[in-house]
Amino acid sequence: MALALNVFKTVTSVVPTSPVGIFTASTGYTGVVLLAQAANIGSDTSTISFSHERSVSGIAVTTEIVKDLPIPANDTANLLAGKLVLETDDILVISSNSGNNVKFISSILETLK
């Protein structure tokens, strides 16, 4: 069976306090992150960290996109100013200082290599 040329995905998560991979780029595809937003549904300011991780010679190399970005109560933050290209096995990693108050949503286009 042939692989689909383009696959759109929506990734959602309640952001945990420990860094966790929320999306790994699929084998055979290049991922394009079209949107990455976080909403603080709590009554206090929360912070969020969002990064890209790639294994280089077996060593995980982490590149922070935002680190400890404050999001005021009942507000939303755009985590990307543009698009982000993900190669096979690249991982998006996210964490917050508030385990239940920050929600993440992302739109990703995976296109066949």
PDB file of N, CA and C in Angstrom:
ATOM      1  N   MET A   1       0.841  -1.177   0.000  1.00  0.00           N
ATOM      2  CA  MET A   1       0.000   0.000   0.000  1.00  0.00           C
ATOM      3  C   MET A   1       0.888   1.243   0.000  1.00  0.00           C
ATOM      4  N   ALA A   2       0.561   2.191  -0.831  1.00  0.00           N
ATOM      5  CA  ALA A   2       1.331   3.433  -0.946  1.00  0.00           C
ATOM      6  C   ALA A   2       1.048   4.350   0.236  1.00  0.00           C
ATOM      7  N   LEU A   3       2.071   5.090   0.620  1.00  0.00           N
ATOM      8  CA  LEU A   3       1.903   6.076   1.694  1.00  0.00           C
ATOM      9  C   LEU A   3       1.203   7.309   1.150  1.00  0.00           C
ATOM     10  N   ALA A   4       0.432   7.964   2.003  1.00  0.00           N
ATOM     11  CA  ALA A   4      -0.261   9.193   1.612  1.00  0.00           C
ATOM     12  C   ALA A   4       0.759  10.297   1.364  1.00  0.00           C
ATOM     13  N   LEU A   5       0.510  11.119   0.370  1.00  0.00           N
ATOM     14  CA  LEU A   5       1.413  12.217   0.032  1.00  0.00           C
ATOM     15  C   LEU A   5       1.472  13.265   1.147  1.00  0.00           C
ATOM     16  N   ASN A   6       0.313  13.679   1.625  1.00  0.00           N
ATOM     17  CA  ASN A   6       0.221  14.689   2.685  1.00  0.00           C
ATOM     18  C   ASN A   6      -0.710  14.194   3.782  1.00  0.00           C
ATOM     19  N   VAL A   7      -0.283  14.355   5.023  1.00  0.00           N
ATOM     20  CA  VAL A   7      -1.091  13.968   6.168  1.00  0.00           C
ATOM     21  C   VAL A   7      -1.099  15.145   7.142  1.00  0.00           C
ATOM     22  N   PHE A   8      -2.279  15.670   7.446  1.00  0.00           N
ATOM     23  CA  PHE A   8      -2.415  16.739   8.423  1.00  0.00           C
ATOM     24  C   PHE A   8      -2.701  16.126   9.789  1.00  0.00           C
ATOM     25  N   LYS A   9      -2.034  16.629  10.825  1.00  0.00           N
ATOM     26  CA  LYS A   9      -2.234  16.122  12.177  1.00  0.00           C
ATOM     27  C   LYS A   9      -2.450  17.290  13.128  1.00  0.00           C
ATOM     28  N   THR A  10      -3.287  17.063  14.123  1.00  0.00           N
ATOM     29  CA  THR A  10      -3.470  17.999  15.218  1.00  0.00           C
ATOM     30  C   THR A  10      -2.973  17.306  16.475  1.00  0.00           C
ATOM     31  N   VAL A  11      -2.074  17.975  17.179  1.00  0.00           N
ATOM     32  CA  VAL A  11      -1.508  17.433  18.409  1.00  0.00           C
ATOM     33  C   VAL A  11      -1.984  18.304  19.558  1.00  0.00           C
ATOM     34  N   THR A  12      -2.572  17.673  20.580  1.00  0.00           N
ATOM     35  CA  THR A  12      -3.019  18.417  21.757  1.00  0.00           C
ATOM     36  C   THR A  12      -2.453  17.749  23.001  1.00  0.00           C
ATOM     37  N   SER A  13      -2.279  18.556  24.050  1.00  0.00           N
ATOM     38  CA  SER A  13      -1.739  18.008  25.292  1.00  0.00           C
ATOM     39  C   SER A  13      -1.995  18.976  26.435  1.00  0.00           C
ATOM     40  N   VAL A  14      -2.276  18.426  27.614  1.00  0.00           N
ATOM     41  CA  VAL A  14      -2.168  19.205  28.837  1.00  0.00           C
ATOM     42  C   VAL A  14      -0.688  19.148  29.164  1.00  0.00           C
ATOM     43  N   VAL A  15      -0.059  20.305  29.319  1.00  0.00           N
ATOM     44  CA  VAL A  15       1.401  20.369  29.426  1.00  0.00           C
ATOM     45  C   VAL A  15       1.850  19.949  30.824  1.00  0.00           C
ATOM     46  N   PRO A  16       2.718  18.927  30.913  1.00  0.00           N
ATOM     47  CA  PRO A  16       3.201  18.448  32.211  1.00  0.00           C
ATOM     48  C   PRO A  16       4.345  19.313  32.749  1.00  0.00           C
ATOM     49  N   THR A  17       4.708  19.094  33.992  1.00  0.00           N
ATOM     50  CA  THR A  17       5.804  19.844  34.598  1.00  0.00           C
ATOM     51  C   THR A  17       7.170  19.306  34.189  1.00  0.00           C
ATOM     52  N   SER A  18       7.253  18.044  33.825  1.00  0.00           N
ATOM     53  CA  SER A  18       8.515  17.472  33.352  1.00  0.00           C
ATOM     54  C   SER A  18       8.519  17.475  31.834  1.00  0.00           C
ATOM     55  N   PRO A  19       9.660  17.750  31.197  1.00  0.00           N
ATOM     56  CA  PRO A  19       9.719  17.754  29.734  1.00  0.00           C
ATOM     57  C   PRO A  19       9.286  16.405  29.152  1.00  0.00           C
ATOM     58  N   VAL A  20       8.426  16.468  28.147  1.00  0.00           N
ATOM     59  CA  VAL A  20       7.924  15.249  27.508  1.00  0.00           C
ATOM     60  C   VAL A  20       7.836  15.474  26.004  1.00  0.00           C
ATOM     61  N   GLY A  21       8.150  14.438  25.250  1.00  0.00           N
ATOM     62  CA  GLY A  21       7.997  14.498  23.800  1.00  0.00           C
ATOM     63  C   GLY A  21       6.529  14.361  23.438  1.00  0.00           C
ATOM     64  N   ILE A  22       6.015  15.321  22.699  1.00  0.00           N
ATOM     65  CA  ILE A  22       4.593  15.283  22.341  1.00  0.00           C
ATOM     66  C   ILE A  22       4.375  14.913  20.875  1.00  0.00           C
ATOM     67  N   PHE A  23       5.450  14.955  20.081  1.00  0.00           N
ATOM     68  CA  PHE A  23       5.334  14.579  18.669  1.00  0.00           C
ATOM     69  C   PHE A  23       6.699  14.152  18.161  1.00  0.00           C
ATOM     70  N   THR A  24       6.721  13.035  17.439  1.00  0.00           N
ATOM     71  CA  THR A  24       7.940  12.563  16.784  1.00  0.00           C
ATOM     72  C   THR A  24       7.654  12.450  15.300  1.00  0.00           C
ATOM     73  N   ALA A  25       8.503  13.066  14.476  1.00  0.00           N
ATOM     74  CA  ALA A  25       8.304  13.044  13.027  1.00  0.00           C
ATOM     75  C   ALA A  25       8.386  11.613  12.501  1.00  0.00           C
ATOM     76  N   SER A  26       7.467  11.256  11.654  1.00  0.00           N
ATOM     77  CA  SER A  26       7.339   9.896  11.133  1.00  0.00           C
ATOM     78  C   SER A  26       8.421   9.554  10.118  1.00  0.00           C
ATOM     79  N   THR A  27       8.764   8.277  10.064  1.00  0.00           N
ATOM     80  CA  THR A  27       9.716   7.776   9.074  1.00  0.00           C
ATOM     81  C   THR A  27       9.142   7.946   7.676  1.00  0.00           C
ATOM     82  N   GLY A  28       9.959   8.476   6.766  1.00  0.00           N
ATOM     83  CA  GLY A  28       9.535   8.650   5.386  1.00  0.00           C
ATOM     84  C   GLY A  28       8.846   9.972   5.104  1.00  0.00           C
ATOM     85  N   TYR A  29       8.634  10.754   6.145  1.00  0.00           N
ATOM     86  CA  TYR A  29       7.942  12.033   5.991  1.00  0.00           C
ATOM     87  C   TYR A  29       8.806  13.177   6.516  1.00  0.00           C
ATOM     88  N   THR A  30       8.553  14.363   5.998  1.00  0.00           N
ATOM     89  CA  THR A  30       9.057  15.596   6.570  1.00  0.00           C
ATOM     90  C   THR A  30       7.857  16.287   7.196  1.00  0.00           C
ATOM     91  N   GLY A  31       7.995  16.710   8.443  1.00  0.00           N
ATOM     92  CA  GLY A  31       6.904  17.391   9.130  1.00  0.00           C
ATOM     93  C   GLY A  31       7.093  18.896   9.068  1.00  0.00           C
ATOM     94  N   VAL A  32       5.998  19.607   8.893  1.00  0.00           N
ATOM     95  CA  VAL A  32       6.031  21.063   8.917  1.00  0.00           C
ATOM     96  C   VAL A  32       5.043  21.507   9.996  1.00  0.00           C
ATOM     97  N   VAL A  33       5.570  22.112  11.048  1.00  0.00           N
ATOM     98  CA  VAL A  33       4.716  22.618  12.118  1.00  0.00           C
ATOM     99  C   VAL A  33       4.150  23.949  11.643  1.00  0.00           C
ATOM    100  N   LEU A  34       2.845  23.987  11.467  1.00  0.00           N
ATOM    101  CA  LEU A  34       2.172  25.174  10.949  1.00  0.00           C
ATOM    102  C   LEU A  34       1.731  26.106  12.069  1.00  0.00           C
ATOM    103  N   LEU A  35       1.433  25.539  13.233  1.00  0.00           N
ATOM    104  CA  LEU A  35       0.909  26.301  14.358  1.00  0.00           C
ATOM    105  C   LEU A  35       1.329  25.610  15.641  1.00  0.00           C
ATOM    106  N   ALA A  36       1.710  26.383  16.634  1.00  0.00           N
ATOM    107  CA  ALA A  36       1.980  25.858  17.974  1.00  0.00           C
ATOM    108  C   ALA A  36       1.556  26.928  18.973  1.00  0.00           C
ATOM    109  N   GLN A  37       0.513  26.626  19.750  1.00  0.00           N
ATOM    110  CA  GLN A  37      -0.022  27.584  20.706  1.00  0.00           C
ATOM    111  C   GLN A  37      -0.194  26.927  22.063  1.00  0.00           C
ATOM    112  N   ALA A  38      -0.084  27.742  23.095  1.00  0.00           N
ATOM    113  CA  ALA A  38      -0.341  27.272  24.454  1.00  0.00           C
ATOM    114  C   ALA A  38      -1.304  28.242  25.122  1.00  0.00           C
ATOM    115  N   ALA A  39      -2.276  27.692  25.842  1.00  0.00           N
ATOM    116  CA  ALA A  39      -3.264  28.500  26.558  1.00  0.00           C
ATOM    117  C   ALA A  39      -3.136  28.242  28.048  1.00  0.00           C
ATOM    118  N   ASN A  40      -3.092  29.306  28.818  1.00  0.00           N
ATOM    119  CA  ASN A  40      -3.071  29.209  30.273  1.00  0.00           C
ATOM    120  C   ASN A  40      -4.510  29.354  30.752  1.00  0.00           C
ATOM    121  N   ILE A  41      -5.092  28.263  31.231  1.00  0.00           N
ATOM    122  CA  ILE A  41      -6.478  28.298  31.693  1.00  0.00           C
ATOM    123  C   ILE A  41      -6.566  28.544  33.197  1.00  0.00           C
ATOM    124  N   GLY A  42      -5.423  28.742  33.840  1.00  0.00           N
ATOM    125  CA  GLY A  42      -5.382  28.961  35.284  1.00  0.00           C
ATOM    126  C   GLY A  42      -5.587  30.420  35.652  1.00  0.00           C
ATOM    127  N   SER A  43      -5.561  30.667  36.963  1.00  0.00           N
ATOM    128  CA  SER A  43      -5.781  32.022  37.468  1.00  0.00           C
ATOM    129  C   SER A  43      -4.471  32.739  37.813  1.00  0.00           C
ATOM    130  N   ASP A  44      -3.329  32.074  37.603  1.00  0.00           N
ATOM    131  CA  ASP A  44      -2.016  32.677  37.841  1.00  0.00           C
ATOM    132  C   ASP A  44      -1.179  32.560  36.574  1.00  0.00           C
ATOM    133  N   THR A  45      -0.157  33.411  36.455  1.00  0.00           N
ATOM    134  CA  THR A  45       0.769  33.319  35.329  1.00  0.00           C
ATOM    135  C   THR A  45       1.512  31.981  35.395  1.00  0.00           C
ATOM    136  N   SER A  46       1.625  31.320  34.258  1.00  0.00           N
ATOM    137  CA  SER A  46       2.381  30.077  34.141  1.00  0.00           C
ATOM    138  C   SER A  46       3.469  30.279  33.105  1.00  0.00           C
ATOM    139  N   THR A  47       4.504  29.444  33.162  1.00  0.00           N
ATOM    140  CA  THR A  47       5.552  29.505  32.145  1.00  0.00           C
ATOM    141  C   THR A  47       5.546  28.220  31.331  1.00  0.00           C
ATOM    142  N   ILE A  48       6.049  28.329  30.102  1.00  0.00           N
ATOM    143  CA  ILE A  48       6.117  27.172  29.214  1.00  0.00           C
ATOM    144  C   ILE A  48       7.486  27.147  28.543  1.00  0.00           C
ATOM    145  N   SER A  49       7.976  25.941  28.322  1.00  0.00           N
ATOM    146  CA  SER A  49       9.198  25.722  27.544  1.00  0.00           C
ATOM    147  C   SER A  49       8.849  24.766  26.414  1.00  0.00           C
ATOM    148  N   PHE A  50       9.352  25.078  25.215  1.00  0.00           N
ATOM    149  CA  PHE A  50       9.032  24.320  24.008  1.00  0.00           C
ATOM    150  C   PHE A  50      10.326  24.190  23.220  1.00  0.00           C
ATOM    151  N   SER A  51      10.704  22.967  22.861  1.00  0.00           N
ATOM    152  CA  SER A  51      11.985  22.776  22.195  1.00  0.00           C
ATOM    153  C   SER A  51      11.923  21.695  21.125  1.00  0.00           C
ATOM    154  N   HIS A  52      12.960  21.697  20.314  1.00  0.00           N
ATOM    155  CA  HIS A  52      13.164  20.734  19.230  1.00  0.00           C
ATOM    156  C   HIS A  52      14.326  19.841  19.655  1.00  0.00           C
ATOM    157  N   GLU A  53      14.157  18.529  19.478  1.00  0.00           N
ATOM    158  CA  GLU A  53      15.216  17.588  19.840  1.00  0.00           C
ATOM    159  C   GLU A  53      15.541  16.693  18.655  1.00  0.00           C
ATOM    160  N   ARG A  54      16.839  16.562  18.385  1.00  0.00           N
ATOM    161  CA  ARG A  54      17.307  15.710  17.285  1.00  0.00           C
ATOM    162  C   ARG A  54      18.496  14.905  17.786  1.00  0.00           C
ATOM    163  N   SER A  55      18.542  13.648  17.409  1.00  0.00           N
ATOM    164  CA  SER A  55      19.671  12.801  17.764  1.00  0.00           C
ATOM    165  C   SER A  55      20.771  12.975  16.718  1.00  0.00           C
ATOM    166  N   VAL A  56      21.960  13.368  17.186  1.00  0.00           N
ATOM    167  CA  VAL A  56      23.116  13.551  16.313  1.00  0.00           C
ATOM    168  C   VAL A  56      24.213  12.613  16.819  1.00  0.00           C
ATOM    169  N   SER A  57      24.552  11.620  16.013  1.00  0.00           N
ATOM    170  CA  SER A  57      25.542  10.609  16.400  1.00  0.00           C
ATOM    171  C   SER A  57      25.180   9.958  17.732  1.00  0.00           C
ATOM    172  N   GLY A  58      23.887   9.710  17.922  1.00  0.00           N
ATOM    173  CA  GLY A  58      23.408   9.045  19.129  1.00  0.00           C
ATOM    174  C   GLY A  58      23.264   9.942  20.349  1.00  0.00           C
ATOM    175  N   ILE A  59      23.507  11.240  20.198  1.00  0.00           N
ATOM    176  CA  ILE A  59      23.390  12.186  21.308  1.00  0.00           C
ATOM    177  C   ILE A  59      22.221  13.123  21.033  1.00  0.00           C
ATOM    178  N   ALA A  60      21.325  13.246  22.015  1.00  0.00           N
ATOM    179  CA  ALA A  60      20.172  14.134  21.857  1.00  0.00           C
ATOM    180  C   ALA A  60      20.623  15.587  21.944  1.00  0.00           C
ATOM    181  N   VAL A  61      20.356  16.348  20.883  1.00  0.00           N
ATOM    182  CA  VAL A  61      20.674  17.768  20.842  1.00  0.00           C
ATOM    183  C   VAL A  61      19.353  18.529  20.941  1.00  0.00           C
ATOM    184  N   THR A  62      19.224  19.320  22.004  1.00  0.00           N
ATOM    185  CA  THR A  62      17.999  20.073  22.249  1.00  0.00           C
ATOM    186  C   THR A  62      18.201  21.538  21.889  1.00  0.00           C
ATOM    187  N   THR A  63      17.268  22.074  21.106  1.00  0.00           N
ATOM    188  CA  THR A  63      17.278  23.484  20.752  1.00  0.00           C
ATOM    189  C   THR A  63      15.989  24.111  21.275  1.00  0.00           C
ATOM    190  N   GLU A  64      16.139  25.028  22.208  1.00  0.00           N
ATOM    191  CA  GLU A  64      14.970  25.681  22.785  1.00  0.00           C
ATOM    192  C   GLU A  64      14.357  26.650  21.785  1.00  0.00           C
ATOM    193  N   ILE A  65      13.054  26.577  21.654  1.00  0.00           N
ATOM    194  CA  ILE A  65      12.307  27.522  20.822  1.00  0.00           C
ATOM    195  C   ILE A  65      11.818  28.657  21.721  1.00  0.00           C
ATOM    196  N   VAL A  66      11.228  28.300  22.860  1.00  0.00           N
ATOM    197  CA  VAL A  66      10.941  29.248  23.945  1.00  0.00           C
ATOM    198  C   VAL A  66      11.314  28.554  25.247  1.00  0.00           C
ATOM    199  N   LYS A  67      11.823  29.326  26.186  1.00  0.00           N
ATOM    200  CA  LYS A  67      12.222  28.763  27.479  1.00  0.00           C
ATOM    201  C   LYS A  67      11.647  29.638  28.584  1.00  0.00           C
ATOM    202  N   ASP A  68      10.846  28.999  29.432  1.00  0.00           N
ATOM    203  CA  ASP A  68      10.213  29.690  30.564  1.00  0.00           C
ATOM    204  C   ASP A  68       9.470  30.951  30.130  1.00  0.00           C
ATOM    205  N   LEU A  69       8.738  30.841  29.023  1.00  0.00           N
ATOM    206  CA  LEU A  69       7.940  31.957  28.513  1.00  0.00           C
ATOM    207  C   LEU A  69       6.714  32.150  29.413  1.00  0.00           C
ATOM    208  N   PRO A  70       6.556  33.322  30.014  1.00  0.00           N
ATOM    209  CA  PRO A  70       5.383  33.537  30.864  1.00  0.00           C
ATOM    210  C   PRO A  70       4.108  33.726  30.034  1.00  0.00           C
ATOM    211  N   ILE A  71       3.052  33.066  30.483  1.00  0.00           N
ATOM    212  CA  ILE A  71       1.730  33.240  29.878  1.00  0.00           C
ATOM    213  C   ILE A  71       0.801  33.706  30.992  1.00  0.00           C
ATOM    214  N   PRO A  72       0.271  34.929  30.896  1.00  0.00           N
ATOM    215  CA  PRO A  72      -0.639  35.427  31.933  1.00  0.00           C
ATOM    216  C   PRO A  72      -1.882  34.540  32.046  1.00  0.00           C
ATOM    217  N   ALA A  73      -2.540  34.635  33.188  1.00  0.00           N
ATOM    218  CA  ALA A  73      -3.775  33.889  33.420  1.00  0.00           C
ATOM    219  C   ALA A  73      -4.782  34.168  32.317  1.00  0.00           C
ATOM    220  N   ASN A  74      -5.466  33.137  31.875  1.00  0.00           N
ATOM    221  CA  ASN A  74      -6.513  33.241  30.859  1.00  0.00           C
ATOM    222  C   ASN A  74      -6.028  33.894  29.562  1.00  0.00           C
ATOM    223  N   ASP A  75      -4.814  33.558  29.170  1.00  0.00           N
ATOM    224  CA  ASP A  75      -4.235  34.112  27.944  1.00  0.00           C
ATOM    225  C   ASP A  75      -3.597  32.983  27.135  1.00  0.00           C
ATOM    226  N   THR A  76      -3.209  33.318  25.914  1.00  0.00           N
ATOM    227  CA  THR A  76      -2.623  32.347  24.990  1.00  0.00           C
ATOM    228  C   THR A  76      -1.332  32.911  24.428  1.00  0.00           C
ATOM    229  N   ALA A  77      -0.374  32.009  24.133  1.00  0.00           N
ATOM    230  CA  ALA A  77       0.887  32.415  23.518  1.00  0.00           C
ATOM    231  C   ALA A  77       1.133  31.604  22.258  1.00  0.00           C
ATOM    232  N   ASN A  78       1.549  32.295  21.197  1.00  0.00           N
ATOM    233  CA  ASN A  78       2.015  31.612  19.993  1.00  0.00           C
ATOM    234  C   ASN A  78       3.472  31.242  20.227  1.00  0.00           C
ATOM    235  N   LEU A  79       3.807  29.978  20.052  1.00  0.00           N
ATOM    236  CA  LEU A  79       5.146  29.505  20.366  1.00  0.00           C
ATOM    237  C   LEU A  79       6.093  29.530  19.172  1.00  0.00           C
ATOM    238  N   LEU A  80       5.559  29.712  17.972  1.00  0.00           N
ATOM    239  CA  LEU A  80       6.374  29.802  16.761  1.00  0.00           C
ATOM    240  C   LEU A  80       6.023  31.075  16.006  1.00  0.00           C
ATOM    241  N   ALA A  81       7.054  31.756  15.517  1.00  0.00           N
ATOM    242  CA  ALA A  81       6.830  32.952  14.706  1.00  0.00           C
ATOM    243  C   ALA A  81       6.592  32.590  13.247  1.00  0.00           C
ATOM    244  N   GLY A  82       7.008  31.391  12.850  1.00  0.00           N
ATOM    245  CA  GLY A  82       6.837  30.925  11.472  1.00  0.00           C
ATOM    246  C   GLY A  82       6.634  29.428  11.477  1.00  0.00           C
ATOM    247  N   LYS A  83       7.085  28.793  10.440  1.00  0.00           N
ATOM    248  CA  LYS A  83       6.956  27.340  10.337  1.00  0.00           C
ATOM    249  C   LYS A  83       8.251  26.677  10.808  1.00  0.00           C
ATOM    250  N   LEU A  84       8.141  25.423  11.256  1.00  0.00           N
ATOM    251  CA  LEU A  84       9.288  24.654  11.709  1.00  0.00           C
ATOM    252  C   LEU A  84       9.290  23.325  10.969  1.00  0.00           C
ATOM    253  N   VAL A  85      10.405  22.997  10.319  1.00  0.00           N
ATOM    254  CA  VAL A  85      10.530  21.743   9.567  1.00  0.00           C
ATOM    255  C   VAL A  85      11.123  20.681  10.483  1.00  0.00           C
ATOM    256  N   LEU A  86      10.489  19.511  10.498  1.00  0.00           N
ATOM    257  CA  LEU A  86      10.947  18.377  11.291  1.00  0.00           C
ATOM    258  C   LEU A  86      11.369  17.246  10.365  1.00  0.00           C
ATOM    259  N   GLU A  87      12.576  16.742  10.582  1.00  0.00           N
ATOM    260  CA  GLU A  87      13.050  15.590   9.830  1.00  0.00           C
ATOM    261  C   GLU A  87      12.678  14.321  10.587  1.00  0.00           C
ATOM    262  N   THR A  88      12.784  13.175   9.927  1.00  0.00           N
ATOM    263  CA  THR A  88      12.450  11.896  10.544  1.00  0.00           C
ATOM    264  C   THR A  88      13.091  11.775  11.924  1.00  0.00           C
ATOM    265  N   ASP A  89      12.296  11.376  12.905  1.00  0.00           N
ATOM    266  CA  ASP A  89      12.691  11.146  14.297  1.00  0.00           C
ATOM    267  C   ASP A  89      12.964  12.413  15.108  1.00  0.00           C
ATOM    268  N   ASP A  90      12.802  13.610  14.540  1.00  0.00           N
ATOM    269  CA  ASP A  90      12.872  14.829  15.345  1.00  0.00           C
ATOM    270  C   ASP A  90      11.704  14.809  16.331  1.00  0.00           C
ATOM    271  N   ILE A  91      11.920  15.382  17.511  1.00  0.00           N
ATOM    272  CA  ILE A  91      10.905  15.356  18.568  1.00  0.00           C
ATOM    273  C   ILE A  91      10.605  16.775  19.033  1.00  0.00           C
ATOM    274  N   LEU A  92       9.323  17.072  19.234  1.00  0.00           N
ATOM    275  CA  LEU A  92       8.909  18.315  19.890  1.00  0.00           C
ATOM    276  C   LEU A  92       8.723  17.998  21.369  1.00  0.00           C
ATOM    277  N   VAL A  93       9.355  18.808  22.225  1.00  0.00           N
ATOM    278  CA  VAL A  93       9.339  18.577  23.668  1.00  0.00           C
ATOM    279  C   VAL A  93       8.732  19.800  24.349  1.00  0.00           C
ATOM    280  N   ILE A  94       7.904  19.559  25.373  1.00  0.00           N
ATOM    281  CA  ILE A  94       7.207  20.655  26.031  1.00  0.00           C
ATOM    282  C   ILE A  94       7.146  20.415  27.535  1.00  0.00           C
ATOM    283  N   SER A  95       7.127  21.514  28.298  1.00  0.00           N
ATOM    284  CA  SER A  95       6.931  21.441  29.750  1.00  0.00           C
ATOM    285  C   SER A  95       6.428  22.792  30.252  1.00  0.00           C
ATOM    286  N   SER A  96       5.899  22.779  31.466  1.00  0.00           N
ATOM    287  CA  SER A  96       5.363  23.992  32.083  1.00  0.00           C
ATOM    288  C   SER A  96       5.648  23.944  33.578  1.00  0.00           C
ATOM    289  N   ASN A  97       5.549  25.085  34.231  1.00  0.00           N
ATOM    290  CA  ASN A  97       5.694  25.089  35.689  1.00  0.00           C
ATOM    291  C   ASN A  97       4.378  24.758  36.381  1.00  0.00           C
ATOM    292  N   SER A  98       3.306  24.618  35.603  1.00  0.00           N
ATOM    293  CA  SER A  98       1.983  24.341  36.151  1.00  0.00           C
ATOM    294  C   SER A  98       1.387  23.144  35.429  1.00  0.00           C
ATOM    295  N   GLY A  99       1.312  22.020  36.105  1.00  0.00           N
ATOM    296  CA  GLY A  99       0.941  20.757  35.482  1.00  0.00           C
ATOM    297  C   GLY A  99      -0.423  20.660  34.845  1.00  0.00           C
ATOM    298  N   ASN A 100      -1.421  21.387  35.319  1.00  0.00           N
ATOM    299  CA  ASN A 100      -2.768  21.224  34.779  1.00  0.00           C
ATOM    300  C   ASN A 100      -3.333  22.474  34.127  1.00  0.00           C
ATOM    301  N   ASN A 101      -2.614  23.573  34.194  1.00  0.00           N
ATOM    302  CA  ASN A 101      -3.194  24.843  33.754  1.00  0.00           C
ATOM    303  C   ASN A 101      -2.808  25.275  32.351  1.00  0.00           C
ATOM    304  N   VAL A 102      -1.870  24.589  31.711  1.00  0.00           N
ATOM    305  CA  VAL A 102      -1.448  24.999  30.374  1.00  0.00           C
ATOM    306  C   VAL A 102      -1.810  23.895  29.383  1.00  0.00           C
ATOM    307  N   LYS A 103      -2.511  24.301  28.334  1.00  0.00           N
ATOM    308  CA  LYS A 103      -2.901  23.365  27.279  1.00  0.00           C
ATOM    309  C   LYS A 103      -2.225  23.766  25.981  1.00  0.00           C
ATOM    310  N   PHE A 104      -1.778  22.754  25.230  1.00  0.00           N
ATOM    311  CA  PHE A 104      -1.021  22.952  24.000  1.00  0.00           C
ATOM    312  C   PHE A 104      -1.813  22.414  22.817  1.00  0.00           C
ATOM    313  N   ILE A 105      -1.717  23.117  21.680  1.00  0.00           N
ATOM    314  CA  ILE A 105      -2.292  22.623  20.430  1.00  0.00           C
ATOM    315  C   ILE A 105      -1.342  22.970  19.288  1.00  0.00           C
ATOM    316  N   SER A 106      -1.232  22.040  18.351  1.00  0.00           N
ATOM    317  CA  SER A 106      -0.355  22.251  17.208  1.00  0.00           C
ATOM    318  C   SER A 106      -0.971  21.617  15.966  1.00  0.00           C
ATOM    319  N   SER A 107      -0.736  22.254  14.828  1.00  0.00           N
ATOM    320  CA  SER A 107      -1.129  21.705  13.532  1.00  0.00           C
ATOM    321  C   SER A 107       0.144  21.369  12.777  1.00  0.00           C
ATOM    322  N   ILE A 108       0.216  20.132  12.280  1.00  0.00           N
ATOM    323  CA  ILE A 108       1.427  19.653  11.618  1.00  0.00           C
ATOM    324  C   ILE A 108       1.046  19.016  10.285  1.00  0.00           C
ATOM    325  N   LEU A 109       1.776  19.383   9.252  1.00  0.00           N
ATOM    326  CA  LEU A 109       1.629  18.760   7.937  1.00  0.00           C
ATOM    327  C   LEU A 109       2.807  17.814   7.738  1.00  0.00           C
ATOM    328  N   GLU A 110       2.508  16.549   7.537  1.00  0.00           N
ATOM    329  CA  GLU A 110       3.557  15.594   7.185  1.00  0.00           C
ATOM    330  C   GLU A 110       3.453  15.339   5.681  1.00  0.00           C
ATOM    331  N   THR A 111       4.570  15.537   4.997  1.00  0.00           N
ATOM    332  CA  THR A 111       4.595  15.353   3.566  1.00  0.00           C
ATOM    333  C   THR A 111       5.631  14.292   3.211  1.00  0.00           C
ATOM    334  N   LEU A 112       5.285  13.453   2.258  1.00  0.00           N
ATOM    335  CA  LEU A 112       6.130  12.342   1.859  1.00  0.00           C
ATOM    336  C   LEU A 112       7.443  12.857   1.290  1.00  0.00           C
ATOM    337  N   LYS A 113       8.541  12.241   1.703  1.00  0.00           N
ATOM    338  CA  LYS A 113       9.872  12.647   1.196  1.00  0.00           C
ATOM    339  C   LYS A 113      10.040  12.230  -0.242  1.00  0.00           C
TER     340      LYS A 113
END
